């Protein structure tokens, strides 16, 4: 075993100097930091013969700090380990715990001074900048410690300059301009999960973002109550599976994701103990995530596409009284689109107005169905559903219909 000393810059509202749970906080000016050549610990890309055969590649350096701290205060940790990487991992575990409890203590300090309803949780942050080994006299000796990454991601992309299918360009334009809030939210989480490794997200966040993309769609489309009781996630999933065509295999995988997120590791709901705390000291510190549905999983993107195929065929139709359109004649039996203003300009999302003075529900339904089929040039069997929705105060017009058209027929 050897002795090591780890220095990290630290930020916080109140930094008590001196010994603190096996570490020490003290002031160190920028001149001294420069003399010691303080730099954040980072990974170095290891080039090899592979780079000679590929024109393009993306390097992944998962240990590079995403921020750069400047502070005249340092936290110092002395630790005995076999090698620098183990010493760094052990010091970070200790500093993490100290930072967590400093943050909570700072909040208590504010509440004691200004009242229990005051203050917010402001985290203490630190950044490791130097590792020394210590001789028998505790003199600091330079350590040549480097993290290396030999990872290469998707060399020689793009593989082609045109879509494989001639209709894909049309699909891209349609889905981009569809502006469905649920689809947009789910896609944000899925995309963030897929690039999480490259932007230094923790495995816990990557796992949560991945499952969240599925959960958003299930919670939006699934029944909220069955027999007066709130539905569980699995009950909603069964309902959504029927609506958008989720396979039994996909359902099984999603249920497994849900169980993993809810029962194992630090993924939303931590287990009774932190397994990583029992591992030997090492760096990078391993994750406490037991989650099989990380990046590049095929289930979540499949659910998003199925949701889009379903929702683009769902129309909301408000019924309004016919009127004379500026002397151009009555608009009875006609449709107009309802536009919404967004950051990207006026958008239209399957929201229509149908003009009719018919009061009888059955007759109005038949009239609307006939006009809708004619307007959109549909066959009668492609209209899966047409029904009047319960009246709500939020409706600008008295009556509203939901129409669903089959859009899931694939080549």
Protein backbone atom coordinates (compact mmCIF):
# COMPACT_ATOMS: atom_id res chain seq x y z
CA UNK A 1 0.00 0.00 0.00
CA UNK A 2 1.16 3.54 -0.78
CA UNK A 3 0.09 6.90 0.53
CA UNK A 4 -1.51 9.39 -1.84
CA UNK A 5 -2.76 12.96 -1.46
CA UNK A 6 -5.59 14.28 -3.66
CA UNK A 7 -6.31 17.99 -4.08
CA UNK A 8 -9.65 19.29 -5.33
CA UNK A 9 -10.91 22.86 -5.76
CA UNK A 10 -14.17 23.36 -3.87
CA UNK A 11 -17.02 25.90 -4.02
CA UNK A 12 -19.68 26.60 -1.42
CA UNK A 13 -21.33 29.50 0.44
CA UNK A 14 -19.66 28.64 3.72
CA UNK A 15 -16.34 26.78 3.77
CA UNK A 16 -15.11 26.04 7.30
CA UNK A 17 -11.32 25.68 7.14
CA UNK A 18 -9.50 22.88 8.92
CA UNK A 19 -9.96 19.15 9.44
CA UNK A 20 -13.28 17.78 8.21
CA UNK A 21 -14.09 14.06 8.43
CA UNK A 22 -10.72 12.74 7.30
CA UNK A 23 -10.09 15.57 4.83
CA UNK A 24 -8.93 19.18 5.15
CA UNK A 25 -10.28 22.42 3.68
CA UNK A 26 -7.83 25.30 3.34
CA UNK A 27 -7.16 28.39 1.26
CA UNK A 28 -4.72 28.21 -1.66
CA UNK A 29 -4.13 31.23 -3.90
CA UNK A 30 -4.03 31.06 -7.70
CA UNK A 31 -0.26 31.58 -7.78
CA UNK A 32 0.26 28.43 -5.72
CA UNK A 33 -2.21 26.50 -7.88
CA UNK A 34 -0.30 27.57 -10.98
CA UNK A 35 2.99 26.47 -9.42
CA UNK A 36 1.49 23.06 -8.73
CA UNK A 37 0.11 22.88 -12.29
CA UNK A 38 -3.47 22.24 -11.19
CA UNK A 39 -5.55 20.80 -14.03
CA UNK A 40 -8.80 18.81 -13.96
CA UNK A 41 -8.33 15.05 -14.31
CA UNK A 42 -9.34 14.10 -17.83
CA UNK A 43 -9.11 11.28 -20.34
CA UNK A 44 -6.75 11.23 -23.31
CA UNK A 45 -7.79 9.71 -26.62
CA UNK A 46 -5.39 6.95 -27.58
CA UNK A 47 -4.84 7.01 -31.32
CA UNK A 48 -4.01 3.73 -33.00
CA UNK A 49 -3.70 2.20 -36.45
CA UNK A 50 -7.49 2.30 -36.90
CA UNK A 51 -7.37 6.05 -37.50
CA UNK A 52 -5.25 5.52 -40.61
CA UNK A 53 -8.07 3.74 -42.41
CA UNK A 54 -10.98 6.05 -41.60
CA UNK A 55 -11.55 9.60 -42.75
CA UNK A 56 -13.98 10.53 -40.00
CA UNK A 57 -14.47 9.43 -36.43
CA UNK A 58 -15.85 10.79 -33.19
CA UNK A 59 -13.82 10.40 -30.03
CA UNK A 60 -15.54 9.74 -26.74
CA UNK A 61 -13.84 11.01 -23.59
CA UNK A 62 -16.27 10.11 -20.82
CA UNK A 63 -14.09 11.37 -17.94
CA UNK A 64 -13.51 14.92 -19.13
CA UNK A 65 -14.98 17.42 -16.68
CA UNK A 66 -17.84 19.34 -18.25
CA UNK A 67 -17.11 22.44 -16.13
CA UNK A 68 -13.96 24.25 -15.02
CA UNK A 69 -13.90 25.42 -11.42
CA UNK A 70 -11.92 28.42 -10.20
CA UNK A 71 -11.59 28.75 -6.44
CA UNK A 72 -9.03 29.78 -3.85
CA UNK A 73 -10.16 26.96 -1.58
CA UNK A 74 -9.14 23.32 -1.80
CA UNK A 75 -10.23 20.12 -0.10
CA UNK A 76 -7.38 17.69 0.53
CA UNK A 77 -7.70 13.97 1.12
CA UNK A 78 -4.87 11.61 2.21
CA UNK A 79 -5.51 7.96 1.46
CA UNK A 80 -3.63 4.66 1.33
CA UNK A 81 -4.13 2.51 -1.76
CA UNK A 82 -2.23 0.26 -4.16
CA UNK A 83 -2.36 2.60 -7.15
CA UNK A 84 -3.35 6.18 -8.09
CA UNK A 85 -6.68 5.20 -9.70
CA UNK A 86 -7.85 3.45 -6.53
CA UNK A 87 -6.72 6.42 -4.42
CA UNK A 88 -8.65 8.82 -6.67
CA UNK A 89 -11.82 6.71 -6.47
CA UNK A 90 -11.62 6.47 -2.68
CA UNK A 91 -11.00 10.21 -2.29
CA UNK A 92 -13.95 11.07 -4.56
CA UNK A 93 -16.28 8.84 -2.52
CA UNK A 94 -15.24 10.69 0.62
CA UNK A 95 -15.44 14.15 -0.97
CA UNK A 96 -18.86 13.37 -2.46
CA UNK A 97 -20.24 12.51 0.97
CA UNK A 98 -18.72 15.60 2.58
CA UNK A 99 -20.12 17.83 -0.23
CA UNK A 100 -23.60 16.34 0.19
CA UNK A 101 -23.70 16.98 3.93
CA UNK A 102 -22.10 20.43 3.62
CA UNK A 103 -24.92 21.36 1.22
CA UNK A 104 -27.59 20.20 3.66
CA UNK A 105 -25.87 21.85 6.63
CA UNK A 106 -25.66 25.14 4.73
CA UNK A 107 -29.45 25.04 4.25
CA UNK A 108 -29.99 24.36 7.97
CA UNK A 109 -27.69 27.28 8.79
CA UNK A 110 -29.80 29.64 6.66
CA UNK A 111 -33.04 28.40 8.24
CA UNK A 112 -31.69 28.88 11.75
CA UNK A 113 -30.68 32.45 10.95
CA UNK A 114 -33.62 33.62 8.79
CA UNK A 115 -36.51 31.28 9.60
CA UNK A 116 -37.59 27.75 8.70
CA UNK A 117 -39.37 28.86 5.51
CA UNK A 118 -36.24 30.45 4.01
CA UNK A 119 -33.33 29.10 1.98
CA UNK A 120 -32.79 26.69 -0.89
CA UNK A 121 -30.56 23.66 -1.44
CA UNK A 122 -27.42 24.95 -3.13
CA UNK A 123 -24.94 22.14 -3.81
CA UNK A 124 -21.26 22.34 -2.91
CA UNK A 125 -19.16 21.35 -5.93
CA UNK A 126 -15.56 20.23 -6.25
CA UNK A 127 -13.08 19.30 -8.98
CA UNK A 128 -10.04 17.07 -8.57
CA UNK A 129 -6.93 18.82 -9.91
CA UNK A 130 -3.89 16.99 -8.56
CA UNK A 131 -2.72 13.60 -7.28
CA UNK A 132 0.53 13.20 -5.36
CA UNK A 133 2.18 10.17 -3.82
CA UNK A 134 3.69 10.66 -0.34
CA UNK A 135 7.05 9.38 0.83
CA UNK A 136 7.82 8.23 4.39
CA UNK A 137 8.28 11.86 5.47
CA UNK A 138 4.94 12.86 3.85
CA UNK A 139 6.69 14.82 1.11
CA UNK A 140 4.57 15.22 -2.03
CA UNK A 141 5.89 13.50 -5.16
CA UNK A 142 4.52 13.99 -8.68
CA UNK A 143 2.44 11.14 -10.06
CA UNK A 144 2.19 10.44 -13.78
CA UNK A 145 -1.48 9.47 -13.80
CA UNK A 146 -3.44 9.47 -17.07
CA UNK A 147 -6.81 8.13 -18.05
CA UNK A 148 -6.88 6.81 -21.58
CA UNK A 149 -9.79 6.16 -23.90
CA UNK A 150 -9.36 4.07 -27.03
CA UNK A 151 -13.02 4.33 -27.95
CA UNK A 152 -13.98 5.13 -31.51
CA UNK A 153 -17.61 5.80 -32.46
CA UNK A 154 -19.14 5.11 -35.89
CA UNK A 155 -16.17 5.55 -38.24
CA UNK A 156 -16.81 6.34 -41.91
CA UNK A 157 -20.25 7.87 -41.44
CA UNK A 158 -22.31 8.77 -43.41
CA UNK A 159 -22.59 5.50 -45.29
CA UNK A 160 -24.97 7.00 -47.84
CA UNK A 161 -26.28 10.37 -48.93
CA UNK A 162 -29.88 9.38 -49.77
CA UNK A 163 -32.64 7.73 -47.78
CA UNK A 164 -33.09 4.03 -48.48
CA UNK A 165 -36.81 4.44 -49.17
CA UNK A 166 -38.13 7.05 -51.60
CA UNK A 167 -40.97 8.03 -49.21
CA UNK A 168 -38.71 8.66 -46.20
CA UNK A 169 -38.10 12.31 -47.13
CA UNK A 170 -41.87 12.88 -47.08
CA UNK A 171 -42.10 11.15 -43.67
CA UNK A 172 -39.32 13.37 -42.29
CA UNK A 173 -41.15 16.55 -43.33
CA UNK A 174 -44.49 15.30 -41.99
CA UNK A 175 -43.23 14.24 -38.56
CA UNK A 176 -41.09 17.37 -38.16
CA UNK A 177 -44.08 19.63 -38.88
CA UNK A 178 -46.59 17.60 -36.88
CA UNK A 179 -45.96 19.47 -33.58
CA UNK A 180 -47.47 16.96 -31.16
CA UNK A 181 -46.45 17.90 -27.60
CA UNK A 182 -46.35 14.31 -26.32
CA UNK A 183 -44.22 13.14 -29.24
CA UNK A 184 -41.87 16.12 -28.85
CA UNK A 185 -41.41 15.51 -25.10
CA UNK A 186 -40.82 11.77 -25.48
CA UNK A 187 -38.32 12.33 -28.28
CA UNK A 188 -36.39 14.86 -26.18
CA UNK A 189 -35.87 12.27 -23.45
CA UNK A 190 -35.01 9.48 -25.89
CA UNK A 191 -32.47 11.62 -27.74
CA UNK A 192 -30.87 12.82 -24.51
CA UNK A 193 -30.58 9.23 -23.32
CA UNK A 194 -28.94 8.18 -26.58
CA UNK A 195 -26.23 10.86 -26.34
CA UNK A 196 -25.91 10.74 -22.55
CA UNK A 197 -22.63 8.85 -22.71
CA UNK A 198 -21.07 11.57 -24.85
CA UNK A 199 -22.25 14.55 -22.78
CA UNK A 200 -21.11 13.02 -19.48
CA UNK A 201 -24.53 12.08 -18.09
CA UNK A 202 -24.47 9.48 -15.34
CA UNK A 203 -25.75 6.00 -16.11
CA UNK A 204 -28.62 6.70 -13.73
CA UNK A 205 -29.73 9.72 -15.79
CA UNK A 206 -29.34 7.81 -19.06
CA UNK A 207 -31.55 5.04 -17.68
CA UNK A 208 -34.18 7.46 -16.38
CA UNK A 209 -34.30 9.45 -19.64
CA UNK A 210 -34.70 6.25 -21.66
CA UNK A 211 -37.61 4.94 -19.61
CA UNK A 212 -39.20 8.38 -19.36
CA UNK A 213 -39.58 8.50 -23.17
CA UNK A 214 -41.76 5.38 -22.98
CA UNK A 215 -43.57 6.43 -19.81
CA UNK A 216 -44.70 9.78 -21.31
CA UNK A 217 -46.55 8.02 -24.12
CA UNK A 218 -48.06 5.32 -21.91
CA UNK A 219 -49.31 7.85 -19.35
CA UNK A 220 -50.78 10.10 -22.06
CA UNK A 221 -52.63 7.45 -24.05
CA UNK A 222 -53.51 4.96 -21.31
CA UNK A 223 -56.77 4.90 -19.41
CA UNK A 224 -56.60 6.99 -16.27
CA UNK A 225 -59.19 4.99 -14.34
CA UNK A 226 -60.75 1.53 -14.48
CA UNK A 227 -63.94 0.95 -12.44
CA UNK A 228 -63.34 4.24 -10.64
CA UNK A 229 -59.81 3.34 -9.52
CA UNK A 230 -56.60 4.91 -10.75
CA UNK A 231 -54.79 2.66 -13.16
CA UNK A 232 -51.28 1.33 -12.60
CA UNK A 233 -48.54 1.75 -15.18
CA UNK A 234 -48.94 -1.87 -16.33
CA UNK A 235 -52.72 -1.42 -16.74
CA UNK A 236 -52.13 1.69 -18.84
CA UNK A 237 -49.55 -0.22 -20.86
CA UNK A 238 -52.08 -2.95 -21.69
CA UNK A 239 -54.54 -0.31 -22.92
CA UNK A 240 -51.91 1.52 -25.00
CA UNK A 241 -50.62 -1.76 -26.45
CA UNK A 242 -54.06 -2.42 -27.92
CA UNK A 243 -54.34 1.11 -29.32
CA UNK A 244 -50.99 1.46 -31.06
CA UNK A 245 -49.98 -2.15 -31.66
CA UNK A 246 -47.28 -2.85 -29.06
CA UNK A 247 -46.26 -6.50 -29.34
CA UNK A 248 -46.22 -8.95 -26.44
CA UNK A 249 -42.43 -9.06 -26.63
CA UNK A 250 -42.23 -5.26 -26.42
CA UNK A 251 -44.70 -5.23 -23.52
CA UNK A 252 -42.57 -7.74 -21.66
CA UNK A 253 -39.43 -5.66 -22.13
CA UNK A 254 -41.19 -2.45 -21.02
CA UNK A 255 -42.48 -4.16 -17.88
CA UNK A 256 -38.94 -5.34 -17.15
CA UNK A 257 -37.69 -1.76 -17.61
CA UNK A 258 -40.35 -0.56 -15.18
CA UNK A 259 -39.39 -3.17 -12.58
CA UNK A 260 -35.68 -2.39 -12.93
CA UNK A 261 -36.27 1.33 -12.60
CA UNK A 262 -38.51 0.92 -9.56
CA UNK A 263 -36.78 -1.84 -7.63
CA UNK A 264 -33.06 -1.98 -8.32
CA UNK A 265 -30.16 0.40 -7.88
CA UNK A 266 -30.23 4.19 -7.79
CA UNK A 267 -32.65 4.57 -10.68
CA UNK A 268 -35.43 6.78 -9.29
CA UNK A 269 -36.02 4.44 -6.32
CA UNK A 270 -32.78 3.31 -4.64
CA UNK A 271 -32.33 -0.08 -3.04
CA UNK A 272 -31.81 -0.38 0.70
CA UNK A 273 -28.04 -0.19 0.31
CA UNK A 274 -25.62 1.31 -2.18
CA UNK A 275 -23.72 -1.56 -3.77
CA UNK A 276 -20.99 0.71 -5.12
CA UNK A 277 -20.03 1.70 -1.57
CA UNK A 278 -18.98 -1.91 -1.02
CA UNK A 279 -16.73 -2.09 -4.10
CA UNK A 280 -12.95 -1.62 -3.77
CA UNK A 281 -11.79 1.94 -4.42
CA UNK A 282 -11.36 2.58 -8.14
CA UNK A 283 -11.76 5.30 -10.74
CA UNK A 284 -13.91 5.84 -12.68
CA UNK A 285 -16.32 4.98 -9.88
CA UNK A 286 -18.76 2.29 -11.13
CA UNK A 287 -22.46 3.07 -11.44
CA UNK A 288 -25.12 1.69 -9.13
CA UNK A 289 -27.56 1.18 -12.00
CA UNK A 290 -29.04 -2.19 -12.81
CA UNK A 291 -30.81 -1.29 -16.03
CA UNK A 292 -30.82 -3.30 -19.24
CA UNK A 293 -32.51 -0.68 -21.41
CA UNK A 294 -29.73 1.82 -21.96
CA UNK A 295 -28.67 3.55 -25.15
CA UNK A 296 -29.32 1.95 -28.53
CA UNK A 297 -32.27 -0.09 -27.25
CA UNK A 298 -34.84 -0.67 -29.99
CA UNK A 299 -38.01 -0.62 -27.84
CA UNK A 300 -38.37 3.09 -27.03
CA UNK A 301 -37.89 4.37 -30.61
CA UNK A 302 -40.31 1.71 -31.83
CA UNK A 303 -42.93 2.97 -29.34
CA UNK A 304 -42.43 6.56 -30.52
CA UNK A 305 -42.96 5.59 -34.16
CA UNK A 306 -46.05 3.54 -33.32
CA UNK A 307 -47.43 6.44 -31.30
CA UNK A 308 -46.90 8.79 -34.25
CA UNK A 309 -48.63 6.42 -36.65
CA UNK A 310 -51.56 6.28 -34.23
CA UNK A 311 -51.83 9.93 -33.24
CA UNK A 312 -51.50 11.40 -36.73
CA UNK A 313 -54.79 9.69 -37.56
CA UNK A 314 -56.64 11.20 -34.57
CA UNK A 315 -58.65 14.34 -35.33
CA UNK A 316 -60.53 16.67 -33.00
CA UNK A 317 -63.51 18.30 -34.70
CA UNK A 318 -65.47 21.16 -33.12
CA UNK A 319 -69.00 21.77 -34.39
CA UNK A 320 -69.91 25.37 -35.12
CA UNK A 321 -72.97 27.09 -36.52
CA UNK A 322 -72.81 27.86 -40.28
CA UNK A 323 -72.45 31.49 -41.31
CA UNK A 324 -72.08 33.56 -44.44
CA UNK A 325 -68.38 33.91 -45.24
CA UNK A 326 -68.07 37.60 -46.19
CA UNK A 327 -70.64 37.32 -48.92
CA UNK A 328 -69.10 34.17 -50.44
CA UNK A 329 -71.96 31.95 -49.36
CA UNK A 330 -72.65 29.65 -46.45
CA UNK A 331 -69.87 27.44 -45.05
CA UNK A 332 -72.39 24.76 -44.05
CA UNK A 333 -70.95 21.23 -44.40
CA UNK A 334 -67.38 22.52 -44.77
CA UNK A 335 -64.22 22.21 -42.66
CA UNK A 336 -61.67 24.78 -41.57
CA UNK A 337 -58.37 24.19 -39.80
CA UNK A 338 -57.60 25.52 -36.33
CA UNK A 339 -54.13 27.06 -36.25
CA UNK A 340 -52.00 27.54 -33.17
CA UNK A 341 -49.16 30.02 -32.80
CA UNK A 342 -45.83 28.50 -31.71
CA UNK A 343 -42.18 29.50 -31.77
CA UNK A 344 -41.92 28.01 -35.25
CA UNK A 345 -44.89 30.01 -36.53
CA UNK A 346 -48.53 29.05 -37.17
CA UNK A 347 -49.01 25.28 -36.89
CA UNK A 348 -51.94 22.96 -37.41
CA UNK A 349 -52.40 19.73 -35.46
CA UNK A 350 -55.41 17.70 -36.66
CA UNK A 351 -57.83 20.20 -35.13
CA UNK A 352 -60.80 21.12 -37.34
CA UNK A 353 -64.07 22.99 -37.24
CA UNK A 354 -67.09 21.50 -39.02
CA UNK A 355 -70.03 23.78 -39.74
CA UNK A 356 -73.45 22.27 -39.17
CA UNK A 357 -76.78 23.33 -37.65
CA UNK A 358 -77.90 19.71 -37.08
CA UNK A 359 -79.02 19.19 -33.46
CA UNK A 360 -79.68 15.44 -33.49
CA UNK A 361 -76.57 13.55 -32.34
CA UNK A 362 -77.04 10.51 -34.62
CA UNK A 363 -77.78 12.59 -37.72
CA UNK A 364 -74.88 14.93 -36.96
CA UNK A 365 -72.52 11.95 -36.60
CA UNK A 366 -73.57 10.55 -39.98
CA UNK A 367 -73.28 13.98 -41.63
CA UNK A 368 -69.80 14.57 -40.18
CA UNK A 369 -68.60 11.09 -41.13
CA UNK A 370 -69.75 11.47 -44.73
CA UNK A 371 -68.23 14.93 -45.09
CA UNK A 372 -64.95 13.82 -43.50
CA UNK A 373 -64.56 10.80 -45.81
CA UNK A 374 -65.23 13.00 -48.83
CA UNK A 375 -62.89 15.78 -47.64
CA UNK A 376 -59.90 13.49 -47.04
CA UNK A 377 -60.72 11.00 -49.83
CA UNK A 378 -60.97 8.00 -47.50
CA UNK A 379 -62.63 4.64 -47.73
CA UNK A 380 -65.35 4.01 -45.17
CA UNK A 381 -63.51 1.11 -43.52
CA UNK A 382 -60.43 3.29 -42.89
CA UNK A 383 -62.40 5.36 -40.34
CA UNK A 384 -61.73 3.39 -37.16
CA UNK A 385 -63.64 5.60 -34.73
CA UNK A 386 -66.02 8.55 -34.61
CA UNK A 387 -67.65 9.65 -31.37
CA UNK A 388 -68.87 12.77 -29.61
CA UNK A 389 -66.76 13.72 -26.58
CA UNK A 390 -68.34 14.71 -23.27
CA UNK A 391 -68.97 18.44 -23.07
CA UNK A 392 -66.49 20.55 -21.10
CA UNK A 393 -66.43 24.18 -20.08
CA UNK A 394 -63.11 24.64 -21.85
CA UNK A 395 -64.62 23.99 -25.29
CA UNK A 396 -65.10 27.20 -27.27
CA UNK A 397 -67.92 25.51 -29.13
CA UNK A 398 -70.64 23.37 -27.64
CA UNK A 399 -69.91 20.00 -29.29
CA UNK A 400 -66.67 18.18 -30.04
CA UNK A 401 -65.99 14.92 -31.88
CA UNK A 402 -63.02 12.58 -31.95
CA UNK A 403 -62.28 10.88 -35.27
CA UNK A 404 -59.58 8.25 -35.70
CA UNK A 405 -58.38 7.12 -39.09
CA UNK A 406 -56.26 4.03 -39.68
CA UNK A 407 -52.71 5.11 -40.60
CA UNK A 408 -50.75 2.00 -39.60
CA UNK A 409 -50.87 0.14 -42.93
CA UNK A 410 -47.27 -0.37 -43.96
CA UNK A 411 -45.69 -1.56 -47.16
